[in-house]
Amino acid sequence: MSRFGASSSGLRPPIVPDGLPEVPFDLESEDLHEKVLFADADLSGVFAQSVEFGQVRFRAARLAGATLPKVRLTDCAVERCDWSNLRAENATMERVAVSGCRMTGLAWNGGLLRDVTFTDGRLDLTNWRMARFDAVAVTGCNLSGADFSNSDLRGARFTGCDLTGAQFSGATMQGARFERCELTGIGGITSWTGAIVHPDDLIGLSYVLAGALGIVVSS
């Protein structure tokens, strides 16, 4: 069995068996897929609801433009995949490691993320409205233009991420952590009560706060 990403952050890493059998990538509503490998497969644009994946490894698997409402991933590894513009409302990730993936425009609104890591990926223009982040670490990712409106980010940590123009209006931020992130042009700064920000990020954040308060910074 291989275990991913155990760290001092306290996240529970996914447990994904070694030597998983590779099977054809096919999805229908209410499917259950367990202990398999989906590699170099393309299901762009597919529609299937209430699909469940358990102890599955996705490697270079395409779900671009797919619609998977209420999909559930548990103990999964997602590697170098293209899930751009995937719509997965009210979906769940639990003990999932996502690395090197393109997820531009992904919609996970109303969903749950628990013990999830995103590393070195494109998550720009993603939709996380009303999602709950419960022990989530995002590292080295492009999140420019992402929408976190009314989401619960109390269990989220962002490190080395580009959050340019991201929207946080109405988000719950108590305990959310930001370190070495680009915060230019973020929206909803008044929702940041209780957020924990690294000193290196304060300069960029101060300009956003000044703008929200109507303060003019002269050159």
Protein backbone atom coordinates (compact mmCIF):
# COMPACT_ATOMS: atom_id res chain seq x y z
CA MET A 1 0.00 0.00 0.00
CA SER A 2 1.29 3.49 -0.74
CA ARG A 3 0.55 6.43 1.49
CA PHE A 4 0.66 10.02 0.24
CA GLY A 5 1.61 13.30 1.81
CA ALA A 6 1.70 12.61 5.53
CA SER A 7 2.74 15.92 7.06
CA SER A 8 2.85 18.00 10.19
CA SER A 9 -0.38 19.68 9.02
CA GLY A 10 -2.32 16.71 10.39
CA LEU A 11 -3.97 15.77 7.10
CA ARG A 12 -4.78 12.10 6.70
CA PRO A 13 -3.18 10.95 3.44
CA PRO A 14 -4.94 8.67 0.98
CA ILE A 15 -4.15 4.97 1.13
CA VAL A 16 -3.88 3.73 -2.44
CA PRO A 17 -2.79 0.12 -3.09
CA ASP A 18 0.29 -0.51 -5.23
CA GLY A 19 -0.01 -2.44 -8.48
CA LEU A 20 -3.61 -1.54 -9.22
CA PRO A 21 -5.05 -3.21 -12.34
CA GLU A 22 -5.59 -0.84 -15.26
CA VAL A 23 -9.15 -0.99 -16.57
CA PRO A 24 -11.06 0.82 -19.33
CA PHE A 25 -12.33 4.21 -18.19
CA ASP A 26 -16.11 4.13 -18.47
CA LEU A 27 -18.69 5.92 -16.35
CA GLU A 28 -22.41 5.57 -15.81
CA SER A 29 -24.60 7.03 -13.10
CA GLU A 30 -24.31 5.40 -9.66
CA ASP A 31 -21.19 3.41 -10.70
CA LEU A 32 -18.82 2.23 -7.97
CA HIS A 33 -15.14 1.89 -8.94
CA GLU A 34 -12.69 0.46 -6.39
CA LYS A 35 -8.97 -0.42 -6.41
CA VAL A 36 -8.33 0.26 -10.10
CA LEU A 37 -6.06 2.44 -12.25
CA PHE A 38 -7.47 4.78 -14.89
CA ALA A 39 -4.54 5.83 -17.12
CA ASP A 40 -4.30 7.82 -20.37
CA ALA A 41 -8.07 7.69 -20.78
CA ASP A 42 -10.46 10.28 -22.15
CA LEU A 43 -14.03 10.76 -20.94
CA SER A 44 -14.30 14.44 -21.80
CA GLY A 45 -17.90 15.65 -21.73
CA VAL A 46 -19.37 12.56 -20.08
CA PHE A 47 -22.43 12.87 -17.81
CA ALA A 48 -22.87 10.58 -14.81
CA GLN A 49 -24.27 11.33 -11.35
CA SER A 50 -23.60 9.85 -7.91
CA VAL A 51 -20.48 7.99 -9.09
CA GLU A 52 -18.13 6.72 -6.34
CA PHE A 53 -14.38 6.07 -6.53
CA GLY A 54 -12.54 4.28 -3.72
CA GLN A 55 -8.78 3.65 -3.64
CA VAL A 56 -8.47 4.64 -7.30
CA ARG A 57 -5.45 6.12 -9.07
CA PHE A 58 -6.12 8.51 -11.97
CA ARG A 59 -3.07 9.04 -14.19
CA ALA A 60 -3.33 11.39 -17.20
CA ALA A 61 -7.10 10.78 -17.26
CA ARG A 62 -9.25 13.39 -19.00
CA LEU A 63 -12.61 14.51 -17.64
CA ALA A 64 -12.57 17.92 -19.32
CA GLY A 65 -16.07 19.35 -19.63
CA ALA A 66 -17.65 16.37 -17.86
CA THR A 67 -20.68 16.69 -15.56
CA LEU A 68 -20.50 14.52 -12.43
CA PRO A 69 -22.93 15.84 -9.78
CA LYS A 70 -22.53 14.26 -6.34
CA VAL A 71 -19.38 12.37 -7.36
CA ARG A 72 -17.43 10.98 -4.38
CA LEU A 73 -13.69 10.26 -4.27
CA THR A 74 -12.22 8.48 -1.24
CA ASP A 75 -8.55 7.43 -0.86
CA CYS A 76 -7.64 8.48 -4.41
CA ALA A 77 -4.54 9.79 -6.20
CA VAL A 78 -5.10 12.15 -9.13
CA GLU A 79 -1.91 12.67 -11.17
CA ARG A 80 -1.31 14.81 -14.27
CA CYS A 81 -4.99 14.78 -15.22
CA ASP A 82 -7.03 17.28 -17.24
CA TRP A 83 -10.26 17.95 -15.37
CA SER A 84 -10.77 21.46 -16.75
CA ASN A 85 -14.37 22.70 -16.74
CA LEU A 86 -15.54 19.60 -14.89
CA ARG A 87 -18.86 20.31 -13.14
CA ALA A 88 -19.15 18.42 -9.87
CA GLU A 89 -21.69 20.21 -7.69
CA ASN A 90 -22.38 18.84 -4.19
CA ALA A 91 -19.45 16.43 -4.56
CA THR A 92 -17.00 15.02 -2.03
CA MET A 93 -13.24 14.46 -1.87
CA GLU A 94 -11.94 12.66 1.22
CA ARG A 95 -8.28 11.64 1.60
CA VAL A 96 -7.35 12.64 -1.94
CA ALA A 97 -3.98 13.80 -3.32
CA VAL A 98 -4.14 15.90 -6.51
CA SER A 99 -0.81 16.69 -8.19
CA GLY A 100 0.27 18.30 -11.47
CA CYS A 101 -3.29 18.58 -12.78
CA ARG A 102 -5.11 21.06 -15.00
CA MET A 103 -8.46 21.93 -13.43
CA THR A 104 -9.15 25.35 -14.94
CA GLY A 105 -12.83 26.21 -14.55
CA LEU A 106 -13.67 23.22 -12.36
CA ALA A 107 -16.93 23.68 -10.40
CA TRP A 108 -17.00 22.04 -6.93
CA ASN A 109 -19.60 24.38 -5.49
CA GLY A 110 -21.55 23.11 -2.51
CA GLY A 111 -19.05 20.31 -2.05
CA LEU A 112 -16.91 18.91 0.74
CA LEU A 113 -13.12 18.52 0.80
CA ARG A 114 -11.63 16.67 3.75
CA ASP A 115 -7.95 15.67 4.04
CA VAL A 116 -7.18 16.82 0.49
CA THR A 117 -3.94 18.14 -1.03
CA PHE A 118 -3.53 20.07 -4.28
CA THR A 119 0.06 20.43 -5.48
CA ASP A 120 1.55 22.26 -8.49
CA GLY A 121 -1.68 22.50 -10.45
CA ARG A 122 -3.83 24.91 -12.43
CA LEU A 123 -6.97 25.75 -10.48
CA ASP A 124 -7.65 29.12 -12.06
CA LEU A 125 -11.26 30.26 -12.53
CA THR A 126 -12.49 27.41 -10.33
CA ASN A 127 -15.81 27.62 -8.47
CA TRP A 128 -15.81 26.66 -4.77
CA ARG A 129 -18.93 28.58 -3.74
CA MET A 130 -20.47 27.24 -0.52
CA ALA A 131 -17.89 24.42 -0.37
CA ARG A 132 -16.42 23.26 2.93
CA PHE A 133 -12.65 22.92 3.28
CA ASP A 134 -11.90 20.60 6.19
CA ALA A 135 -8.12 19.96 6.39
CA VAL A 136 -7.07 21.02 2.87
CA ALA A 137 -3.53 22.03 1.81
CA VAL A 138 -3.02 23.85 -1.50
CA THR A 139 0.63 24.29 -2.54
CA GLY A 140 2.16 25.92 -5.60
CA CYS A 141 -1.13 26.25 -7.48
CA ASN A 142 -2.56 28.90 -9.80
CA LEU A 143 -5.90 29.94 -8.29
CA SER A 144 -6.27 33.24 -10.10
CA GLY A 145 -9.90 34.22 -10.50
CA ALA A 146 -11.13 31.39 -8.25
CA ASP A 147 -14.47 31.94 -6.52
CA PHE A 148 -14.67 31.04 -2.82
CA SER A 149 -17.84 33.03 -2.13
CA ASN A 150 -19.73 31.81 0.95
CA SER A 151 -17.35 28.87 1.35
CA ASP A 152 -16.03 27.58 4.67
CA LEU A 153 -12.23 27.92 4.52
CA ARG A 154 -11.48 27.43 8.22
CA GLY A 155 -9.56 24.23 7.47
CA ALA A 156 -7.65 25.51 4.42
CA ARG A 157 -3.97 26.32 3.99
CA PHE A 158 -2.57 28.04 0.88
CA THR A 159 1.19 28.07 0.34
CA GLY A 160 2.97 29.61 -2.64
CA CYS A 161 -0.27 30.08 -4.58
CA ASP A 162 -1.38 32.72 -7.07
CA LEU A 163 -4.75 34.01 -5.84
CA THR A 164 -4.85 37.09 -8.04
CA GLY A 165 -8.42 38.30 -8.42
CA ALA A 166 -9.88 35.48 -6.31
CA GLN A 167 -13.25 36.19 -4.69
CA PHE A 168 -13.88 35.58 -0.96
CA SER A 169 -17.16 37.44 -0.38
CA GLY A 170 -19.13 35.89 2.46
CA ALA A 171 -16.50 33.22 3.12
CA THR A 172 -15.80 31.95 6.64
CA MET A 173 -12.06 32.51 7.13
CA GLN A 174 -11.31 31.96 10.83
CA GLY A 175 -8.02 30.02 10.92
CA ALA A 176 -7.48 29.88 7.14
CA ARG A 177 -3.74 30.22 6.45
CA PHE A 178 -1.92 32.02 3.62
CA GLU A 179 1.84 31.96 3.14
CA ARG A 180 3.86 33.40 0.25
CA CYS A 181 0.75 33.88 -1.87
CA GLU A 182 -0.07 36.48 -4.52
CA LEU A 183 -3.14 38.32 -3.23
CA THR A 184 -3.41 41.19 -5.71
CA GLY A 185 -6.95 42.22 -6.55
CA ILE A 186 -8.74 39.74 -4.32
CA GLY A 187 -12.40 40.43 -3.56
CA GLY A 188 -14.29 40.14 -0.29
CA ILE A 189 -11.43 41.32 1.92
CA THR A 190 -13.93 42.20 4.65
CA SER A 191 -14.58 38.46 5.06
CA TRP A 192 -10.97 37.83 6.13
CA THR A 193 -11.64 38.19 9.85
CA GLY A 194 -9.57 35.57 11.67
CA ALA A 195 -7.45 34.58 8.67
CA ILE A 196 -3.75 33.92 9.37
CA VAL A 197 -1.42 35.66 6.90
CA HIS A 198 2.36 35.35 6.63
CA PRO A 199 4.21 38.68 7.15
CA ASP A 200 5.59 38.51 3.59
CA ASP A 201 2.03 38.70 2.25
CA LEU A 202 0.96 41.74 4.23
CA ILE A 203 2.15 44.38 1.77
CA GLY A 204 0.02 43.07 -1.08
CA LEU A 205 -2.92 42.55 1.24
CA SER A 206 -2.66 46.07 2.62
CA TYR A 207 -3.34 47.58 -0.81
CA VAL A 208 -6.48 45.47 -1.16
CA LEU A 209 -7.64 46.51 2.30
CA ALA A 210 -6.94 50.15 1.56
CA GLY A 211 -9.02 49.96 -1.58
CA ALA A 212 -11.91 48.35 0.30
CA LEU A 213 -11.81 51.20 2.83
CA GLY A 214 -11.66 53.86 0.13
CA ILE A 215 -8.12 54.87 1.02
CA VAL A 216 -6.13 56.41 -1.83
CA VAL A 217 -2.45 55.42 -1.81
CA SER A 218 -0.39 58.16 -3.43
CA SER A 219 2.72 57.42 -5.43
